[in-house]
Amino acid sequence: MAIGERIHFFRLLRGMTQKYLGMALGFPEKSADVRLAQYETGSRTPKADLTAALAQVLDVSPHALSVPDIDSYVGLMHTLFTLEDNYGLKISEIDGEVCLKVDVRKNKDAARLHEMLCSWQQAAARLEAGEISKEDYDKWRYHYPELDKTQNYVKVPPQDLF
């Protein structure tokens, strides 16, 4: 899914018009909706500073806007193949269901991905158990990794950098 589609998704989720979002970003009232339409349709691509501003106004992590382009099933499959190559993602079958799992023995990146997926699974389990609302779950997802309480995988800068 391209960044424009994600902007559109979150704008609608927040109940904003293109004009409102554009003006919140500082675009002139006359052209605010046109500029947003250009980003949403992909005729323009926001630079990093605008992506950060969009994320702030939409109340999501910039990472939630910048996702791989998986607009087709073939594109999605190749993304999964890349995850297999780089992160040890494996496809298997459990009780007749196709499942994806991470082979943590592949490398350090695979182990980190496994930890991240475990964090996601824990959040999803809390939703399923009624411990958190769908709104809280979505907030966790759309602010990932900032709101992830486990944070097991976060790299700590070397102490000699301070």
Foldseek 3Di string as FASTA:
>chain_A
DALLCLLVVLCVVVVHAQLRLQVQLPDDSVCSNVVNVCCNVVVDPDDPVSLCSSCVVSVFASVSRHDDPPVDVVSVVVVQVVCCVPQQWDWDDDPNDIDIDHDCVPDVNNVLVNVVVVLLVVLVVCCVVVVDDPVVNVSVVRHPPVPRPVCPNDDDDDPVVD
